[in-house]
Full PDB file with SEQRES, HELIX, SHEET, SSBOND, CRYST1, ORIGX, SCALE, CONECT and MASTER records, all heavy atoms in Angstrom:
SEQRES   1 A   40  VAL ILE ARG MET LEU SER LYS PHE ASP SER VAL PHE ILE          
SEQRES   2 A   40  GLN PHE SER MET CYS GLY ILE GLY TYR THR ASN ASP TYR          
SEQRES   3 A   40  ILE ARG TYR GLY ALA ASP TRP ASN GLU LEU ASP VAL ALA          
SEQRES   4 A   40  TYR                                                          
HELIX    1 AA1 ILE A    2  LEU A    5  1                                   4    
HELIX    2 AA2 TYR A   22  ILE A   27  1                                   6    
HELIX    3 AA3 TRP A   33  ALA A   39  1                                   7    
CRYST1    1.000    1.000    1.000  90.00  90.00  90.00 P 1           1          
ORIGX1      1.000000  0.000000  0.000000        0.00000                         
ORIGX2      0.000000  1.000000  0.000000        0.00000                         
ORIGX3      0.000000  0.000000  1.000000        0.00000                         
SCALE1      1.000000  0.000000  0.000000        0.00000                         
SCALE2      0.000000  1.000000  0.000000        0.00000                         
SCALE3      0.000000  0.000000  1.000000        0.00000                         
ATOM      1  N   VAL A   1     183.754 116.029  57.659  1.00  0.00           N  
ATOM      2  CA  VAL A   1     182.666 115.086  57.406  1.00  0.00           C  
ATOM      3  C   VAL A   1     182.770 113.881  58.331  1.00  0.00           C  
ATOM      4  O   VAL A   1     181.785 113.459  58.946  1.00  0.00           O  
ATOM      5  CB  VAL A   1     182.656 114.644  55.926  1.00  0.00           C  
ATOM      6  CG1 VAL A   1     181.681 113.498  55.717  1.00  0.00           C  
ATOM      7  CG2 VAL A   1     182.312 115.817  55.015  1.00  0.00           C  
ATOM      8  N   ILE A   2     183.957 113.312  58.451  1.00  0.00           N  
ATOM      9  CA  ILE A   2     184.166 112.153  59.322  1.00  0.00           C  
ATOM     10  C   ILE A   2     183.833 112.509  60.771  1.00  0.00           C  
ATOM     11  O   ILE A   2     183.171 111.743  61.481  1.00  0.00           O  
ATOM     12  CB  ILE A   2     185.607 111.639  59.215  1.00  0.00           C  
ATOM     13  CG1 ILE A   2     185.866 111.031  57.837  1.00  0.00           C  
ATOM     14  CG2 ILE A   2     185.899 110.620  60.309  1.00  0.00           C  
ATOM     15  CD1 ILE A   2     185.153 109.732  57.577  1.00  0.00           C  
ATOM     16  N   ARG A   3     184.285 113.686  61.223  1.00  0.00           N  
ATOM     17  CA  ARG A   3     183.998 114.102  62.599  1.00  0.00           C  
ATOM     18  C   ARG A   3     182.496 114.265  62.827  1.00  0.00           C  
ATOM     19  O   ARG A   3     181.967 113.904  63.884  1.00  0.00           O  
ATOM     20  CB  ARG A   3     184.723 115.413  62.919  1.00  0.00           C  
ATOM     21  CG  ARG A   3     186.225 115.266  63.150  1.00  0.00           C  
ATOM     22  CD  ARG A   3     186.803 116.507  63.794  1.00  0.00           C  
ATOM     23  NE  ARG A   3     186.625 117.694  62.967  1.00  0.00           N  
ATOM     24  CZ  ARG A   3     187.460 118.090  62.012  1.00  0.00           C  
ATOM     25  NH1 ARG A   3     188.551 117.369  61.766  1.00  0.00           N  
ATOM     26  NH2 ARG A   3     187.234 119.189  61.321  1.00  0.00           N  
ATOM     27  N   MET A   4     181.802 114.808  61.842  1.00  0.00           N  
ATOM     28  CA  MET A   4     180.362 114.998  61.960  1.00  0.00           C  
ATOM     29  C   MET A   4     179.646 113.648  62.058  1.00  0.00           C  
ATOM     30  O   MET A   4     178.791 113.441  62.920  1.00  0.00           O  
ATOM     31  CB  MET A   4     179.854 115.791  60.748  1.00  0.00           C  
ATOM     32  CG  MET A   4     178.411 116.207  60.831  1.00  0.00           C  
ATOM     33  SD  MET A   4     177.916 117.187  59.395  1.00  0.00           S  
ATOM     34  CE  MET A   4     179.008 118.592  59.575  1.00  0.00           C  
ATOM     35  N   LEU A   5     180.010 112.707  61.192  1.00  0.00           N  
ATOM     36  CA  LEU A   5     179.365 111.395  61.200  1.00  0.00           C  
ATOM     37  C   LEU A   5     179.665 110.628  62.481  1.00  0.00           C  
ATOM     38  O   LEU A   5     178.850 109.817  62.936  1.00  0.00           O  
ATOM     39  CB  LEU A   5     179.804 110.585  59.984  1.00  0.00           C  
ATOM     40  CG  LEU A   5     179.389 111.140  58.610  1.00  0.00           C  
ATOM     41  CD1 LEU A   5     179.917 110.249  57.496  1.00  0.00           C  
ATOM     42  CD2 LEU A   5     177.870 111.280  58.507  1.00  0.00           C  
ATOM     43  N   SER A   6     180.813 110.895  63.091  1.00  0.00           N  
ATOM     44  CA  SER A   6     181.193 110.192  64.321  1.00  0.00           C  
ATOM     45  C   SER A   6     180.288 110.556  65.496  1.00  0.00           C  
ATOM     46  O   SER A   6     180.270 109.850  66.515  1.00  0.00           O  
ATOM     47  CB  SER A   6     182.652 110.490  64.674  1.00  0.00           C  
ATOM     48  OG  SER A   6     182.803 111.834  65.121  1.00  0.00           O  
ATOM     49  N   LYS A   7     179.519 111.630  65.371  1.00  0.00           N  
ATOM     50  CA  LYS A   7     178.628 112.068  66.450  1.00  0.00           C  
ATOM     51  C   LYS A   7     177.343 111.233  66.516  1.00  0.00           C  
ATOM     52  O   LYS A   7     176.627 111.273  67.521  1.00  0.00           O  
ATOM     53  CB  LYS A   7     178.244 113.536  66.251  1.00  0.00           C  
ATOM     54  CG  LYS A   7     179.413 114.499  66.149  1.00  0.00           C  
ATOM     55  CD  LYS A   7     180.167 114.640  67.446  1.00  0.00           C  
ATOM     56  CE  LYS A   7     181.252 115.712  67.328  1.00  0.00           C  
ATOM     57  NZ  LYS A   7     182.036 115.821  68.588  1.00  0.00           N  
ATOM     58  N   PHE A   8     177.043 110.497  65.450  1.00  0.00           N  
ATOM     59  CA  PHE A   8     175.799 109.730  65.401  1.00  0.00           C  
ATOM     60  C   PHE A   8     176.003 108.333  65.984  1.00  0.00           C  
ATOM     61  O   PHE A   8     177.095 107.761  65.898  1.00  0.00           O  
ATOM     62  CB  PHE A   8     175.294 109.635  63.963  1.00  0.00           C  
ATOM     63  CG  PHE A   8     174.753 110.929  63.433  1.00  0.00           C  
ATOM     64  CD1 PHE A   8     175.594 111.906  62.922  1.00  0.00           C  
ATOM     65  CD2 PHE A   8     173.393 111.190  63.479  1.00  0.00           C  
ATOM     66  CE1 PHE A   8     175.109 113.115  62.456  1.00  0.00           C  
ATOM     67  CE2 PHE A   8     172.886 112.396  63.010  1.00  0.00           C  
ATOM     68  CZ  PHE A   8     173.740 113.364  62.502  1.00  0.00           C  
ATOM     69  N   ASP A   9     174.932 107.799  66.577  1.00  0.00           N  
ATOM     70  CA  ASP A   9     175.028 106.476  67.192  1.00  0.00           C  
ATOM     71  C   ASP A   9     175.360 105.402  66.162  1.00  0.00           C  
ATOM     72  O   ASP A   9     176.135 104.485  66.435  1.00  0.00           O  
ATOM     73  CB  ASP A   9     173.704 106.116  67.883  1.00  0.00           C  
ATOM     74  CG  ASP A   9     173.394 107.036  69.054  1.00  0.00           C  
ATOM     75  OD1 ASP A   9     174.298 107.773  69.491  1.00  0.00           O  
ATOM     76  OD2 ASP A   9     172.238 107.029  69.513  1.00  0.00           O  
ATOM     77  N   SER A  10     174.731 105.514  64.985  1.00  0.00           N  
ATOM     78  CA  SER A  10     174.886 104.465  63.973  1.00  0.00           C  
ATOM     79  C   SER A  10     174.825 105.081  62.578  1.00  0.00           C  
ATOM     80  O   SER A  10     173.903 105.843  62.280  1.00  0.00           O  
ATOM     81  CB  SER A  10     173.777 103.427  64.148  1.00  0.00           C  
ATOM     82  OG  SER A  10     173.868 102.415  63.176  1.00  0.00           O  
ATOM     83  N   VAL A  11     175.800 104.723  61.747  1.00  0.00           N  
ATOM     84  CA  VAL A  11     175.857 105.223  60.368  1.00  0.00           C  
ATOM     85  C   VAL A  11     176.130 104.045  59.437  1.00  0.00           C  
ATOM     86  O   VAL A  11     177.048 103.252  59.672  1.00  0.00           O  
ATOM     87  CB  VAL A  11     176.956 106.287  60.182  1.00  0.00           C  
ATOM     88  CG1 VAL A  11     176.981 106.787  58.737  1.00  0.00           C  
ATOM     89  CG2 VAL A  11     176.762 107.456  61.141  1.00  0.00           C  
ATOM     90  N   PHE A  12     175.316 103.932  58.392  1.00  0.00           N  
ATOM     91  CA  PHE A  12     175.538 102.941  57.343  1.00  0.00           C  
ATOM     92  C   PHE A  12     176.024 103.684  56.102  1.00  0.00           C  
ATOM     93  O   PHE A  12     175.331 104.569  55.600  1.00  0.00           O  
ATOM     94  CB  PHE A  12     174.257 102.175  57.032  1.00  0.00           C  
ATOM     95  CG  PHE A  12     173.745 101.353  58.184  1.00  0.00           C  
ATOM     96  CD1 PHE A  12     172.965 101.938  59.170  1.00  0.00           C  
ATOM     97  CD2 PHE A  12     174.065 100.006  58.292  1.00  0.00           C  
ATOM     98  CE1 PHE A  12     172.498 101.192  60.244  1.00  0.00           C  
ATOM     99  CE2 PHE A  12     173.603  99.252  59.360  1.00  0.00           C  
ATOM    100  CZ  PHE A  12     172.820  99.841  60.341  1.00  0.00           C  
ATOM    101  N   ILE A  13     177.202 103.335  55.634  1.00  0.00           N  
ATOM    102  CA  ILE A  13     177.765 103.969  54.439  1.00  0.00           C  
ATOM    103  C   ILE A  13     177.686 102.990  53.279  1.00  0.00           C  
ATOM    104  O   ILE A  13     178.258 101.892  53.330  1.00  0.00           O  
ATOM    105  CB  ILE A  13     179.231 104.398  54.657  1.00  0.00           C  
ATOM    106  CG1 ILE A  13     179.302 105.547  55.668  1.00  0.00           C  
ATOM    107  CG2 ILE A  13     179.888 104.798  53.342  1.00  0.00           C  
ATOM    108  CD1 ILE A  13     178.735 106.859  55.174  1.00  0.00           C  
ATOM    109  N   GLN A  14     176.931 103.386  52.240  1.00  0.00           N  
ATOM    110  CA  GLN A  14     176.872 102.619  50.999  1.00  0.00           C  
ATOM    111  C   GLN A  14     177.920 103.232  50.075  1.00  0.00           C  
ATOM    112  O   GLN A  14     177.693 104.273  49.476  1.00  0.00           O  
ATOM    113  CB  GLN A  14     175.480 102.697  50.377  1.00  0.00           C  
ATOM    114  CG  GLN A  14     174.321 102.562  51.356  1.00  0.00           C  
ATOM    115  CD  GLN A  14     174.282 101.233  52.074  1.00  0.00           C  
ATOM    116  OE1 GLN A  14     174.814 100.231  51.586  1.00  0.00           O  
ATOM    117  NE2 GLN A  14     173.642 101.192  53.229  1.00  0.00           N  
ATOM    118  N   PHE A  15     179.077 102.593  49.991  1.00  0.00           N  
ATOM    119  CA  PHE A  15     180.246 103.162  49.327  1.00  0.00           C  
ATOM    120  C   PHE A  15     180.309 102.645  47.886  1.00  0.00           C  
ATOM    121  O   PHE A  15     180.554 101.468  47.638  1.00  0.00           O  
ATOM    122  CB  PHE A  15     181.505 102.746  50.092  1.00  0.00           C  
ATOM    123  CG  PHE A  15     182.746 103.492  49.713  1.00  0.00           C  
ATOM    124  CD1 PHE A  15     183.200 104.552  50.489  1.00  0.00           C  
ATOM    125  CD2 PHE A  15     183.484 103.130  48.605  1.00  0.00           C  
ATOM    126  CE1 PHE A  15     184.359 105.234  50.150  1.00  0.00           C  
ATOM    127  CE2 PHE A  15     184.630 103.800  48.250  1.00  0.00           C  
ATOM    128  CZ  PHE A  15     185.070 104.862  49.027  1.00  0.00           C  
ATOM    129  N   SER A  16     180.065 103.542  46.940  1.00  0.00           N  
ATOM    130  CA  SER A  16     179.973 103.134  45.532  1.00  0.00           C  
ATOM    131  C   SER A  16     181.353 102.932  44.917  1.00  0.00           C  
ATOM    132  O   SER A  16     182.223 103.798  44.998  1.00  0.00           O  
ATOM    133  CB  SER A  16     179.203 104.192  44.733  1.00  0.00           C  
ATOM    134  OG  SER A  16     177.882 104.300  45.188  1.00  0.00           O  
ATOM    135  N   MET A  17     181.532 101.785  44.288  1.00  0.00           N  
ATOM    136  CA  MET A  17     182.775 101.447  43.596  1.00  0.00           C  
ATOM    137  C   MET A  17     182.423 100.535  42.420  1.00  0.00           C  
ATOM    138  O   MET A  17     181.785  99.503  42.609  1.00  0.00           O  
ATOM    139  CB  MET A  17     183.742 100.741  44.547  1.00  0.00           C  
ATOM    140  CG  MET A  17     185.093 100.394  43.941  1.00  0.00           C  
ATOM    141  SD  MET A  17     186.101  99.392  45.092  1.00  0.00           S  
ATOM    142  CE  MET A  17     186.402 100.564  46.424  1.00  0.00           C  
ATOM    143  N   CYS A  18     182.810 100.911  41.223  1.00  0.00           N  
ATOM    144  CA  CYS A  18     182.395 100.148  40.043  1.00  0.00           C  
ATOM    145  C   CYS A  18     183.550  99.457  39.322  1.00  0.00           C  
ATOM    146  O   CYS A  18     183.395  99.025  38.181  1.00  0.00           O  
ATOM    147  CB  CYS A  18     181.656 101.059  39.067  1.00  0.00           C  
ATOM    148  SG  CYS A  18     179.979 101.438  39.608  1.00  0.00           S  
ATOM    149  N   GLY A  19     184.679  99.347  39.974  1.00  0.00           N  
ATOM    150  CA  GLY A  19     185.816  98.678  39.362  1.00  0.00           C  
ATOM    151  C   GLY A  19     187.065  98.989  40.157  1.00  0.00           C  
ATOM    152  O   GLY A  19     187.023  99.698  41.165  1.00  0.00           O  
ATOM    153  N   ILE A  20     188.176  98.454  39.695  1.00  0.00           N  
ATOM    154  CA  ILE A  20     189.455  98.705  40.343  1.00  0.00           C  
ATOM    155  C   ILE A  20     190.313  99.548  39.399  1.00  0.00           C  
ATOM    156  O   ILE A  20     190.405  99.262  38.207  1.00  0.00           O  
ATOM    157  CB  ILE A  20     190.173  97.381  40.682  1.00  0.00           C  
ATOM    158  CG1 ILE A  20     189.262  96.479  41.523  1.00  0.00           C  
ATOM    159  CG2 ILE A  20     191.486  97.668  41.411  1.00  0.00           C  
ATOM    160  CD1 ILE A  20     188.779  97.073  42.833  1.00  0.00           C  
ATOM    161  N   GLY A  21     190.922 100.594  39.942  1.00  0.00           N  
ATOM    162  CA  GLY A  21     191.810 101.429  39.139  1.00  0.00           C  
ATOM    163  C   GLY A  21     191.086 102.175  38.034  1.00  0.00           C  
ATOM    164  O   GLY A  21     190.050 102.807  38.254  1.00  0.00           O  
ATOM    165  N   TYR A  22     191.611 102.071  36.817  1.00  0.00           N  
ATOM    166  CA  TYR A  22     191.081 102.848  35.697  1.00  0.00           C  
ATOM    167  C   TYR A  22     189.628 102.505  35.383  1.00  0.00           C  
ATOM    168  O   TYR A  22     188.851 103.400  34.984  1.00  0.00           O  
ATOM    169  CB  TYR A  22     191.945 102.623  34.446  1.00  0.00           C  
ATOM    170  CG  TYR A  22     191.521 103.484  33.267  1.00  0.00           C  
ATOM    171  CD1 TYR A  22     191.908 104.821  33.188  1.00  0.00           C  
ATOM    172  CD2 TYR A  22     190.724 102.967  32.250  1.00  0.00           C  
ATOM    173  CE1 TYR A  22     191.514 105.618  32.122  1.00  0.00           C  
ATOM    174  CE2 TYR A  22     190.327 103.751  31.178  1.00  0.00           C  
ATOM    175  CZ  TYR A  22     190.722 105.075  31.113  1.00  0.00           C  
ATOM    176  OH  TYR A  22     190.322 105.860  30.060  1.00  0.00           O  
ATOM    177  N   THR A  23     189.238 101.259  35.563  1.00  0.00           N  
ATOM    178  CA  THR A  23     187.859 100.878  35.261  1.00  0.00           C  
ATOM    179  C   THR A  23     186.881 101.694  36.100  1.00  0.00           C  
ATOM    180  O   THR A  23     185.871 102.199  35.592  1.00  0.00           O  
ATOM    181  CB  THR A  23     187.633  99.379  35.506  1.00  0.00           C  
ATOM    182  OG1 THR A  23     188.474  98.627  34.629  1.00  0.00           O  
ATOM    183  CG2 THR A  23     186.184  98.991  35.251  1.00  0.00           C  
ATOM    184  N   ASN A  24     187.166 101.827  37.384  1.00  0.00           N  
ATOM    185  CA  ASN A  24     186.296 102.649  38.239  1.00  0.00           C  
ATOM    186  C   ASN A  24     186.267 104.098  37.764  1.00  0.00           C  
ATOM    187  O   ASN A  24     185.199 104.710  37.660  1.00  0.00           O  
ATOM    188  CB  ASN A  24     186.769 102.601  39.685  1.00  0.00           C  
ATOM    189  CG  ASN A  24     185.892 103.439  40.598  1.00  0.00           C  
ATOM    190  OD1 ASN A  24     184.814 103.033  41.013  1.00  0.00           O  
ATOM    191  ND2 ASN A  24     186.349 104.654  40.913  1.00  0.00           N  
ATOM    192  N   ASP A  25     187.444 104.663  37.468  1.00  0.00           N  
ATOM    193  CA  ASP A  25     187.514 106.073  37.077  1.00  0.00           C  
ATOM    194  C   ASP A  25     186.888 106.315  35.712  1.00  0.00           C  
ATOM    195  O   ASP A  25     186.382 107.411  35.446  1.00  0.00           O  
ATOM    196  CB  ASP A  25     188.970 106.546  37.075  1.00  0.00           C  
ATOM    197  CG  ASP A  25     189.590 106.507  38.474  1.00  0.00           C  
ATOM    198  OD1 ASP A  25     188.843 106.244  39.446  1.00  0.00           O  
ATOM    199  OD2 ASP A  25     190.806 106.736  38.599  1.00  0.00           O  
ATOM    200  N   TYR A  26     186.912 105.301  34.850  1.00  0.00           N  
ATOM    201  CA  TYR A  26     186.259 105.402  33.542  1.00  0.00           C  
ATOM    202  C   TYR A  26     184.741 105.474  33.713  1.00  0.00           C  
ATOM    203  O   TYR A  26     184.079 106.337  33.119  1.00  0.00           O  
ATOM    204  CB  TYR A  26     186.625 104.184  32.691  1.00  0.00           C  
ATOM    205  CG  TYR A  26     185.981 104.158  31.321  1.00  0.00           C  
ATOM    206  CD1 TYR A  26     186.614 104.746  30.226  1.00  0.00           C  
ATOM    207  CD2 TYR A  26     184.757 103.526  31.117  1.00  0.00           C  
ATOM    208  CE1 TYR A  26     186.033 104.714  28.962  1.00  0.00           C  
ATOM    209  CE2 TYR A  26     184.170 103.489  29.865  1.00  0.00           C  
ATOM    210  CZ  TYR A  26     184.818 104.082  28.788  1.00  0.00           C  
ATOM    211  OH  TYR A  26     184.224 104.052  27.539  1.00  0.00           O  
ATOM    212  N   ILE A  27     184.188 104.577  34.510  1.00  0.00           N  
ATOM    213  CA  ILE A  27     182.734 104.541  34.719  1.00  0.00           C  
ATOM    214  C   ILE A  27     182.286 105.728  35.564  1.00  0.00           C  
ATOM    215  O   ILE A  27     181.348 106.439  35.211  1.00  0.00           O  
ATOM    216  CB  ILE A  27     182.320 103.221  35.392  1.00  0.00           C  
ATOM    217  CG1 ILE A  27     182.628 102.036  34.478  1.00  0.00           C  
ATOM    218  CG2 ILE A  27     180.831 103.239  35.752  1.00  0.00           C  
ATOM    219  CD1 ILE A  27     182.465 100.685  35.142  1.00  0.00           C  
ATOM    220  N   ARG A  28     182.976 105.936  36.678  1.00  0.00           N  
ATOM    221  CA  ARG A  28     182.587 106.974  37.638  1.00  0.00           C  
ATOM    222  C   ARG A  28     183.445 108.219  37.347  1.00  0.00           C  
ATOM    223  O   ARG A  28     184.331 108.583  38.126  1.00  0.00           O  
ATOM    224  CB  ARG A  28     182.748 106.466  39.063  1.00  0.00           C  
ATOM    225  CG  ARG A  28     181.960 105.171  39.315  1.00  0.00           C  
ATOM    226  CD  ARG A  28     182.003 104.734  40.747  1.00  0.00           C  
ATOM    227  NE  ARG A  28     181.335 105.686  41.624  1.00  0.00           N  
ATOM    228  CZ  ARG A  28     180.011 105.797  41.746  1.00  0.00           C  
ATOM    229  NH1 ARG A  28     179.212 104.996  41.052  1.00  0.00           N  
ATOM    230  NH2 ARG A  28     179.498 106.692  42.543  1.00  0.00           N  
ATOM    231  N   TYR A  29     183.140 108.856  36.225  1.00  0.00           N  
ATOM    232  CA  TYR A  29     183.902 109.993  35.710  1.00  0.00           C  
ATOM    233  C   TYR A  29     183.989 111.107  36.761  1.00  0.00           C  
ATOM    234  O   TYR A  29     182.976 111.560  37.288  1.00  0.00           O  
ATOM    235  CB  TYR A  29     183.232 110.511  34.444  1.00  0.00           C  
ATOM    236  CG  TYR A  29     183.898 111.693  33.799  1.00  0.00           C  
ATOM    237  CD1 TYR A  29     185.202 111.607  33.327  1.00  0.00           C  
ATOM    238  CD2 TYR A  29     183.211 112.892  33.640  1.00  0.00           C  
ATOM    239  CE1 TYR A  29     185.804 112.693  32.714  1.00  0.00           C  
ATOM    240  CE2 TYR A  29     183.801 113.983  33.020  1.00  0.00           C  
ATOM    241  CZ  TYR A  29     185.108 113.879  32.564  1.00  0.00           C  
ATOM    242  OH  TYR A  29     185.695 114.960  31.965  1.00  0.00           O  
ATOM    243  N   GLY A  30     185.228 111.500  37.067  1.00  0.00           N  
ATOM    244  CA  GLY A  30     185.486 112.474  38.122  1.00  0.00           C  
ATOM    245  C   GLY A  30     186.153 111.843  39.324  1.00  0.00           C  
ATOM    246  O   GLY A  30     186.695 112.544  40.186  1.00  0.00           O  
ATOM    247  N   ALA A  31     186.143 110.514  39.389  1.00  0.00           N  
ATOM    248  CA  ALA A  31     186.748 109.801  40.507  1.00  0.00           C  
ATOM    249  C   ALA A  31     188.261 109.701  40.331  1.00  0.00           C  
ATOM    250  O   ALA A  31     188.785 109.766  39.221  1.00  0.00           O  
ATOM    251  CB  ALA A  31     186.143 108.400  40.631  1.00  0.00           C  
ATOM    252  N   ASP A  32     188.948 109.525  41.448  1.00  0.00           N  
ATOM    253  CA  ASP A  32     190.379 109.254  41.474  1.00  0.00           C  
ATOM    254  C   ASP A  32     190.584 107.996  42.307  1.00  0.00           C  
ATOM    255  O   ASP A  32     190.342 107.991  43.520  1.00  0.00           O  
ATOM    256  CB  ASP A  32     191.145 110.433  42.083  1.00  0.00           C  
ATOM    257  CG  ASP A  32     192.648 110.217  42.110  1.00  0.00           C  
ATOM    258  OD1 ASP A  32     193.099 109.241  42.756  1.00  0.00           O  
ATOM    259  OD2 ASP A  32     193.379 111.015  41.501  1.00  0.00           O  
ATOM    260  N   TRP A  33     191.009 106.911  41.657  1.00  0.00           N  
ATOM    261  CA  TRP A  33     191.068 105.616  42.332  1.00  0.00           C  
ATOM    262  C   TRP A  33     191.890 105.661  43.615  1.00  0.00           C  
ATOM    263  O   TRP A  33     191.490 105.110  44.645  1.00  0.00           O  
ATOM    264  CB  TRP A  33     191.607 104.533  41.412  1.00  0.00           C  
ATOM    265  CG  TRP A  33     191.949 103.290  42.180  1.00  0.00           C  
ATOM    266  CD1 TRP A  33     193.176 102.822  42.513  1.00  0.00           C  
ATOM    267  CD2 TRP A  33     191.010 102.394  42.799  1.00  0.00           C  
ATOM    268  NE1 TRP A  33     193.072 101.688  43.286  1.00  0.00           N  
ATOM    269  CE2 TRP A  33     191.747 101.407  43.470  1.00  0.00           C  
ATOM    270  CE3 TRP A  33     189.621 102.350  42.835  1.00  0.00           C  
ATOM    271  CZ2 TRP A  33     191.144 100.376  44.170  1.00  0.00           C  
ATOM    272  CZ3 TRP A  33     189.026 101.313  43.546  1.00  0.00           C  
ATOM    273  CH2 TRP A  33     189.779 100.343  44.198  1.00  0.00           C  
ATOM    274  N   ASN A  34     193.041 106.317  43.578  1.00  0.00           N  
ATOM    275  CA  ASN A  34     193.907 106.343  44.760  1.00  0.00           C  
ATOM    276  C   ASN A  34     193.215 107.027  45.940  1.00  0.00           C  
ATOM    277  O   ASN A  34     193.304 106.559  47.085  1.00  0.00           O  
ATOM    278  CB  ASN A  34     195.230 107.053  44.438  1.00  0.00           C  
ATOM    279  CG  ASN A  34     196.073 106.268  43.455  1.00  0.00           C  
ATOM    280  OD1 ASN A  34     196.100 105.034  43.487  1.00  0.00           O  
ATOM    281  ND2 ASN A  34     196.749 106.963  42.558  1.00  0.00           N  
ATOM    282  N   GLU A  35     192.499 108.118  45.667  1.00  0.00           N  
ATOM    283  CA  GLU A  35     191.752 108.794  46.725  1.00  0.00           C  
ATOM    284  C   GLU A  35     190.600 107.919  47.222  1.00  0.00           C  
ATOM    285  O   GLU A  35     190.292 107.891  48.424  1.00  0.00           O  
ATOM    286  CB  GLU A  35     191.219 110.135  46.222  1.00  0.00           C  
ATOM    287  CG  GLU A  35     192.307 111.156  45.926  1.00  0.00           C  
ATOM    288  CD  GLU A  35     191.743 112.474  45.425  1.00  0.00           C  
ATOM    289  OE1 GLU A  35     190.495 112.599  45.344  1.00  0.00           O  
ATOM    290  OE2 GLU A  35     192.537 113.377  45.118  1.00  0.00           O  
ATOM    291  N   LEU A  36     189.964 107.204  46.309  1.00  0.00           N  
ATOM    292  CA  LEU A  36     188.849 106.333  46.676  1.00  0.00           C  
ATOM    293  C   LEU A  36     189.308 105.212  47.598  1.00  0.00           C  
ATOM    294  O   LEU A  36     188.633 104.886  48.583  1.00  0.00           O  
ATOM    295  CB  LEU A  36     188.217 105.756  45.409  1.00  0.00           C  
ATOM    296  CG  LEU A  36     186.889 105.026  45.578  1.00  0.00           C  
ATOM    297  CD1 LEU A  36     185.763 106.019  45.805  1.00  0.00           C  
ATOM    298  CD2 LEU A  36     186.584 104.161  44.362  1.00  0.00           C  
ATOM    299  N   ASP A  37     190.449 104.629  47.290  1.00  0.00           N  
ATOM    300  CA  ASP A  37     191.004 103.548  48.100  1.00  0.00           C  
ATOM    301  C   ASP A  37     191.274 104.022  49.524  1.00  0.00           C  
ATOM    302  O   ASP A  37     190.940 103.340  50.504  1.00  0.00           O  
ATOM    303  CB  ASP A  37     192.294 103.045  47.439  1.00  0.00           C  
ATOM    304  CG  ASP A  37     192.913 101.868  48.161  1.00  0.00           C  
ATOM    305  OD1 ASP A  37     192.160 101.041  48.709  1.00  0.00           O  
ATOM    306  OD2 ASP A  37     194.154 101.780  48.188  1.00  0.00           O  
ATOM    307  N   VAL A  38     191.829 105.224  49.642  1.00  0.00           N  
ATOM    308  CA  VAL A  38     192.088 105.802  50.963  1.00  0.00           C  
ATOM    309  C   VAL A  38     190.780 106.053  51.709  1.00  0.00           C  
ATOM    310  O   VAL A  38     190.657 105.744  52.903  1.00  0.00           O  
ATOM    311  CB  VAL A  38     192.891 107.119  50.832  1.00  0.00           C  
ATOM    312  CG1 VAL A  38     192.966 107.847  52.169  1.00  0.00           C  
ATOM    313  CG2 VAL A  38     194.290 106.837  50.297  1.00  0.00           C  
ATOM    314  N   ALA A  39     189.791 106.608  50.999  1.00  0.00           N  
ATOM    315  CA  ALA A  39     188.506 106.927  51.626  1.00  0.00           C  
ATOM    316  C   ALA A  39     187.810 105.671  52.147  1.00  0.00           C  
ATOM    317  O   ALA A  39     187.228 105.676  53.246  1.00  0.00           O  
ATOM    318  CB  ALA A  39     187.606 107.653  50.627  1.00  0.00           C  
ATOM    319  N   TYR A  40     187.851 104.594  51.372  1.00  0.00           N  
ATOM    320  CA  TYR A  40     187.210 103.342  51.783  1.00  0.00           C  
ATOM    321  C   TYR A  40     187.777 102.864  53.116  1.00  0.00           C  
ATOM    322  O   TYR A  40     187.030 102.478  54.028  1.00  0.00           O  
ATOM    323  CB  TYR A  40     187.416 102.273  50.710  1.00  0.00           C  
ATOM    324  CG  TYR A  40     186.788 100.934  51.030  1.00  0.00           C  
ATOM    325  CD1 TYR A  40     185.429 100.718  50.827  1.00  0.00           C  
ATOM    326  CD2 TYR A  40     187.549  99.889  51.541  1.00  0.00           C  
ATOM    327  CE1 TYR A  40     184.844  99.491  51.129  1.00  0.00           C  
ATOM    328  CE2 TYR A  40     186.981  98.662  51.844  1.00  0.00           C  
ATOM    329  CZ  TYR A  40     185.630  98.467  51.634  1.00  0.00           C  
ATOM    330  OH  TYR A  40     185.053  97.258  51.944  1.00  0.00           O  
TER     331      TYR A  40                                                      
MASTER        0    0    0    3    0    0    0    6  330    1    0    4          
END                                                                             
């Protein structure tokens, strides 16, 4: 995915995050905070 997006001249990423740690994972069910932090 990253390699594909790198081919475009300009990309705006709206990165959804609704809290830190457990709060984010509680609201955004299915998320893993540690993976999200790395992705950001």
